[in-house]
């Protein structure tokens, strides 16, 4: 089991995703922060939708509950608002002390365009002391670890590293030997969750509404953890469980359920 002090609770767990348009927070940020602290988490990740554009008091809200902020997100690659989003996320990172900003493709984007957007955003975020982490998503335009690594290489590993999520690793059939071959400094963030033994026929639905808490599904999480540890990565691990069942729970109950699942691994 990973060191519990490395676990972070992402506010994105309580975002409601739509087929089109921006996701909508199911619960206010204050309730999520209260829930994280009550459940025993020491850190959170904060998304820009749940933050609601607030910046000035964001760091104080986090620190007042004895929490730290590991990451902010998500930078929406392939959208007209990517630069504006980078500016907002940089302000959030500066306010909270987060050193990581998540990035993901929101639309099919040619390689060179994605690299340009990542370089420009990385420059903005660097002024706030943050680096990008790029997520590969099995139902998105950037589907594999190797594709994500190629983009990180083009941007520069000092500015953009990999986000490795158990759901996309196992649903995408990524071999754990490929994970073990990475250098730990090329991983910027890990997301931990679980999935049913039989994948849902609709990968988008399962990825957004039917993930499971760690240890409650069929993913070989012990092997995954061993592979990540073998790389030398010692950074934060976000417990990202996008689940309709969890989303409907008050954050304090949901956070406690996730903490219980971690303790039982």
Protein backbone atom coordinates (compact mmCIF):
# COMPACT_ATOMS: atom_id res chain seq x y z
CA UNK A 1 0.00 0.00 0.00
CA UNK A 2 1.20 3.51 -0.77
CA UNK A 3 2.03 5.87 2.07
CA UNK A 4 -1.35 7.36 3.17
CA UNK A 5 0.23 10.81 3.50
CA UNK A 6 0.55 10.85 -0.29
CA UNK A 7 -3.20 10.46 -0.88
CA UNK A 8 -5.10 13.44 -2.23
CA UNK A 9 -8.87 13.80 -2.67
CA UNK A 10 -9.85 15.40 -6.01
CA UNK A 11 -12.86 17.69 -6.05
CA UNK A 12 -13.58 16.37 -9.55
CA UNK A 13 -15.13 13.33 -7.86
CA UNK A 14 -18.18 15.52 -7.25
CA UNK A 15 -18.47 17.00 -10.75
CA UNK A 16 -21.45 15.96 -12.85
CA UNK A 17 -20.39 15.35 -16.43
CA UNK A 18 -22.62 16.08 -19.43
CA UNK A 19 -22.38 14.84 -22.99
CA UNK A 20 -21.83 18.43 -24.06
CA UNK A 21 -20.94 21.58 -22.16
CA UNK A 22 -18.91 22.04 -19.01
CA UNK A 23 -19.30 19.72 -16.02
CA UNK A 24 -21.32 21.06 -13.11
CA UNK A 25 -20.38 20.77 -9.41
CA UNK A 26 -22.75 18.53 -7.47
CA UNK A 27 -21.58 20.00 -4.14
CA UNK A 28 -19.91 23.28 -3.13
CA UNK A 29 -16.16 23.35 -2.65
CA UNK A 30 -16.49 24.10 1.07
CA UNK A 31 -18.42 20.84 1.60
CA UNK A 32 -15.75 18.87 -0.25
CA UNK A 33 -12.93 20.44 1.76
CA UNK A 34 -14.82 19.79 5.01
CA UNK A 35 -15.38 16.19 3.94
CA UNK A 36 -11.72 15.64 3.04
CA UNK A 37 -10.55 16.95 6.40
CA UNK A 38 -13.16 14.99 8.37
CA UNK A 39 -12.23 11.76 6.59
CA UNK A 40 -8.55 12.14 7.37
CA UNK A 41 -7.18 13.23 4.02
CA UNK A 42 -4.26 15.62 4.27
CA UNK A 43 -4.48 16.94 0.71
CA UNK A 44 -6.94 17.79 -2.05
CA UNK A 45 -6.96 18.49 -5.75
CA UNK A 46 -9.13 21.41 -6.85
CA UNK A 47 -10.77 21.71 -10.27
CA UNK A 48 -11.64 25.07 -11.81
CA UNK A 49 -15.36 24.27 -12.15
CA UNK A 50 -15.84 23.49 -8.47
CA UNK A 51 -13.70 26.49 -7.55
CA UNK A 52 -16.14 28.56 -9.59
CA UNK A 53 -13.52 31.03 -10.73
CA UNK A 54 -12.65 32.01 -7.17
CA UNK A 55 -8.99 32.56 -6.54
CA UNK A 56 -8.32 35.10 -3.80
CA UNK A 57 -9.66 33.06 -0.87
CA UNK A 58 -8.98 29.62 -2.30
CA UNK A 59 -5.70 29.02 -0.50
CA UNK A 60 -7.13 30.20 2.79
CA UNK A 61 -10.12 27.87 2.44
CA UNK A 62 -7.79 24.91 1.93
CA UNK A 63 -5.32 25.82 4.68
CA UNK A 64 -8.03 26.67 7.22
CA UNK A 65 -8.95 22.98 7.25
CA UNK A 66 -5.38 21.80 7.72
CA UNK A 67 -5.17 20.65 4.11
CA UNK A 68 -2.70 21.24 1.30
CA UNK A 69 -3.50 21.41 -2.40
CA UNK A 70 -1.54 19.00 -4.58
CA UNK A 71 -2.99 19.95 -7.95
CA UNK A 72 -5.37 22.11 -9.94
CA UNK A 73 -7.08 21.39 -13.24
CA UNK A 74 -8.09 20.70 -15.85
CA UNK A 75 -6.44 22.47 -18.77
CA UNK A 76 -8.78 21.81 -21.75
CA UNK A 77 -6.54 21.13 -24.74
CA UNK A 78 -8.17 21.67 -28.13
CA UNK A 79 -10.65 24.31 -26.97
CA UNK A 80 -10.73 28.04 -27.80
CA UNK A 81 -10.44 28.92 -24.10
CA UNK A 82 -7.25 27.01 -23.35
CA UNK A 83 -5.08 30.10 -22.74
CA UNK A 84 -7.69 31.75 -20.51
CA UNK A 85 -7.98 28.48 -18.59
CA UNK A 86 -4.19 28.35 -18.18
CA UNK A 87 -4.21 31.87 -16.74
CA UNK A 88 -6.96 30.96 -14.25
CA UNK A 89 -5.26 27.71 -13.28
CA UNK A 90 -1.96 29.53 -12.75
CA UNK A 91 -3.71 31.92 -10.38
CA UNK A 92 -5.29 28.98 -8.55
CA UNK A 93 -1.90 27.27 -8.27
CA UNK A 94 -0.29 30.43 -6.91
CA UNK A 95 -3.08 30.90 -4.37
CA UNK A 96 -3.09 27.31 -3.11
CA UNK A 97 0.57 26.38 -3.46
CA UNK A 98 -0.28 23.57 -5.88
CA UNK A 99 2.71 22.49 -7.95
CA UNK A 100 0.78 20.43 -10.50
CA UNK A 101 -1.80 21.33 -13.15
CA UNK A 102 -3.73 18.60 -14.96
CA UNK A 103 -4.12 18.74 -18.74
CA UNK A 104 -6.28 16.61 -21.02
CA UNK A 105 -7.62 16.69 -24.56
CA UNK A 106 -11.18 17.96 -24.74
CA UNK A 107 -11.29 17.68 -28.54
CA UNK A 108 -9.28 15.95 -31.26
CA UNK A 109 -6.15 18.05 -31.68
CA UNK A 110 -3.26 17.66 -34.15
CA UNK A 111 0.04 16.84 -32.48
CA UNK A 112 1.73 20.15 -33.27
CA UNK A 113 -1.27 22.17 -32.08
CA UNK A 114 -1.43 20.22 -28.83
CA UNK A 115 2.32 20.74 -28.34
CA UNK A 116 1.95 24.49 -28.94
CA UNK A 117 -0.94 24.74 -26.47
CA UNK A 118 0.99 22.77 -23.87
CA UNK A 119 4.14 24.88 -24.33
CA UNK A 120 2.22 28.15 -24.04
CA UNK A 121 0.29 26.93 -21.00
CA UNK A 122 3.42 25.52 -19.38
CA UNK A 123 5.05 28.94 -19.68
CA UNK A 124 2.08 30.58 -17.95
CA UNK A 125 1.98 27.97 -15.18
CA UNK A 126 5.73 28.07 -14.63
CA UNK A 127 5.37 31.65 -13.40
CA UNK A 128 3.15 30.23 -10.62
CA UNK A 129 5.64 27.48 -9.81
CA UNK A 130 3.53 24.71 -11.35
CA UNK A 131 4.18 22.07 -14.00
CA UNK A 132 1.70 20.30 -16.26
CA UNK A 133 0.74 16.64 -16.06
CA UNK A 134 -0.81 15.20 -19.22
CA UNK A 135 -3.48 12.52 -19.03
CA UNK A 136 -4.07 9.83 -21.63
CA UNK A 137 -7.73 8.76 -21.78
CA UNK A 138 -8.89 5.51 -23.39
CA UNK A 139 -12.04 7.09 -24.82
CA UNK A 140 -10.36 10.36 -25.86
CA UNK A 141 -8.10 11.62 -28.65
CA UNK A 142 -4.93 10.80 -26.66
CA UNK A 143 -5.37 7.16 -25.76
CA UNK A 144 -2.04 5.61 -24.83
CA UNK A 145 0.86 6.18 -22.51
CA UNK A 146 3.26 6.27 -25.45
CA UNK A 147 1.22 8.97 -27.23
CA UNK A 148 1.19 11.07 -24.07
CA UNK A 149 4.92 10.53 -23.54
CA UNK A 150 5.63 11.71 -27.09
CA UNK A 151 3.83 14.99 -26.37
CA UNK A 152 5.60 15.43 -23.04
CA UNK A 153 8.92 14.91 -24.83
CA UNK A 154 8.00 17.59 -27.39
CA UNK A 155 7.10 20.09 -24.66
CA UNK A 156 9.99 19.16 -22.35
CA UNK A 157 9.82 16.82 -19.36
CA UNK A 158 10.71 19.70 -17.05
CA UNK A 159 7.43 21.42 -18.02
CA UNK A 160 5.08 18.50 -18.75
CA UNK A 161 5.00 15.05 -17.20
CA UNK A 162 2.62 12.09 -17.28
CA UNK A 163 -0.59 11.58 -15.33
CA UNK A 164 -1.00 7.82 -14.83
CA UNK A 165 -4.55 6.71 -13.96
CA UNK A 166 -5.31 3.09 -13.05
CA UNK A 167 -8.60 3.16 -14.95
CA UNK A 168 -7.00 4.22 -18.22
CA UNK A 169 -4.04 1.89 -17.71
CA UNK A 170 -6.16 -1.23 -17.21
CA UNK A 171 -9.06 -0.39 -19.51
CA UNK A 172 -6.52 0.60 -22.16
CA UNK A 173 -4.51 -2.60 -21.78
CA UNK A 174 -1.27 -0.81 -20.94
CA UNK A 175 1.33 -3.40 -19.84
CA UNK A 176 2.69 -2.83 -16.36
CA UNK A 177 6.13 -3.54 -17.77
CA UNK A 178 5.77 -0.28 -19.72
CA UNK A 179 5.03 1.56 -16.47
CA UNK A 180 8.05 0.01 -14.77
CA UNK A 181 10.24 1.18 -17.65
CA UNK A 182 9.49 4.83 -16.88
CA UNK A 183 11.76 7.03 -14.84
CA UNK A 184 9.91 8.31 -11.79
CA UNK A 185 10.66 11.92 -12.67
CA UNK A 186 8.56 11.52 -15.82
CA UNK A 187 5.43 10.86 -13.75
CA UNK A 188 3.83 13.95 -12.28
CA UNK A 189 0.68 12.48 -10.72
CA UNK A 190 -1.01 9.12 -10.16
CA UNK A 191 -4.77 8.56 -9.99
CA UNK A 192 -6.03 5.51 -8.11
CA UNK A 193 -9.41 3.84 -8.66
CA UNK A 194 -10.88 0.44 -9.51
CA UNK A 195 -13.16 -1.16 -12.07
CA UNK A 196 -15.47 -4.13 -12.52
CA UNK A 197 -14.10 -7.39 -13.88
CA UNK A 198 -16.20 -6.99 -17.04
CA UNK A 199 -15.90 -3.58 -18.73
CA UNK A 200 -19.11 -1.72 -19.48
CA UNK A 201 -19.97 -1.65 -23.18
CA UNK A 202 -19.90 2.16 -23.07
CA UNK A 203 -16.40 3.21 -21.98
CA UNK A 204 -17.33 6.89 -21.63
CA UNK A 205 -20.23 6.05 -19.32
CA UNK A 206 -18.13 3.72 -17.20
CA UNK A 207 -15.24 6.16 -17.02
CA UNK A 208 -17.43 9.02 -15.84
CA UNK A 209 -20.18 7.27 -13.84
CA UNK A 210 -19.19 3.75 -12.81
CA UNK A 211 -15.65 3.61 -11.48
CA UNK A 212 -15.19 1.88 -8.14
CA UNK A 213 -13.27 2.75 -4.96
CA UNK A 214 -9.82 1.15 -4.75
CA UNK A 215 -10.03 -2.50 -3.79
CA UNK A 216 -13.73 -2.81 -4.63
CA UNK A 217 -13.18 -4.07 -8.17
CA UNK A 218 -10.95 -6.35 -10.21
CA UNK A 219 -7.94 -4.18 -11.08
CA UNK A 220 -4.60 -5.66 -9.86
CA UNK A 221 -3.80 -2.61 -7.77
CA UNK A 222 -1.00 -4.24 -5.78
CA UNK A 223 0.85 -4.95 -9.03
CA UNK A 224 0.13 -1.44 -10.29
CA UNK A 225 1.46 0.07 -7.06
CA UNK A 226 4.59 -2.07 -7.24
CA UNK A 227 5.18 -0.93 -10.84
CA UNK A 228 4.79 2.74 -9.89
CA UNK A 229 7.07 2.36 -6.89
CA UNK A 230 9.68 0.65 -9.08
CA UNK A 231 9.95 3.81 -11.18
CA UNK A 232 11.03 5.79 -8.12
CA UNK A 233 7.93 8.00 -8.18
CA UNK A 234 7.20 9.34 -4.71
CA UNK A 235 4.66 12.07 -5.50
CA UNK A 236 0.95 12.48 -4.73
CA UNK A 237 -1.71 9.88 -5.48
CA UNK A 238 -5.17 11.28 -6.19
CA UNK A 239 -8.06 8.97 -5.31
CA UNK A 240 -10.17 9.79 -8.36
CA UNK A 241 -13.37 7.76 -8.36
CA UNK A 242 -15.83 9.12 -10.91
CA UNK A 243 -18.96 7.33 -9.78
CA UNK A 244 -22.62 8.26 -9.76
CA UNK A 245 -23.03 6.43 -6.45
CA UNK A 246 -20.21 8.40 -4.83
CA UNK A 247 -21.28 11.66 -6.45
CA UNK A 248 -24.71 11.45 -4.86
CA UNK A 249 -23.26 11.05 -1.37
CA UNK A 250 -22.53 14.13 0.71
CA UNK A 251 -18.77 14.70 0.39
CA UNK A 252 -18.10 13.82 4.02
CA UNK A 253 -19.69 10.38 3.50
CA UNK A 254 -18.03 9.87 0.14
CA UNK A 255 -14.62 10.87 1.46
CA UNK A 256 -14.96 8.47 4.39
CA UNK A 257 -15.94 5.65 2.03
CA UNK A 258 -12.83 6.30 -0.05
CA UNK A 259 -10.64 6.43 3.04
CA UNK A 260 -12.10 3.10 4.19
CA UNK A 261 -11.38 1.54 0.83
CA UNK A 262 -7.76 2.71 1.00
CA UNK A 263 -7.31 1.30 4.51
CA UNK A 264 -8.53 -2.10 3.32
CA UNK A 265 -6.11 -2.42 0.41
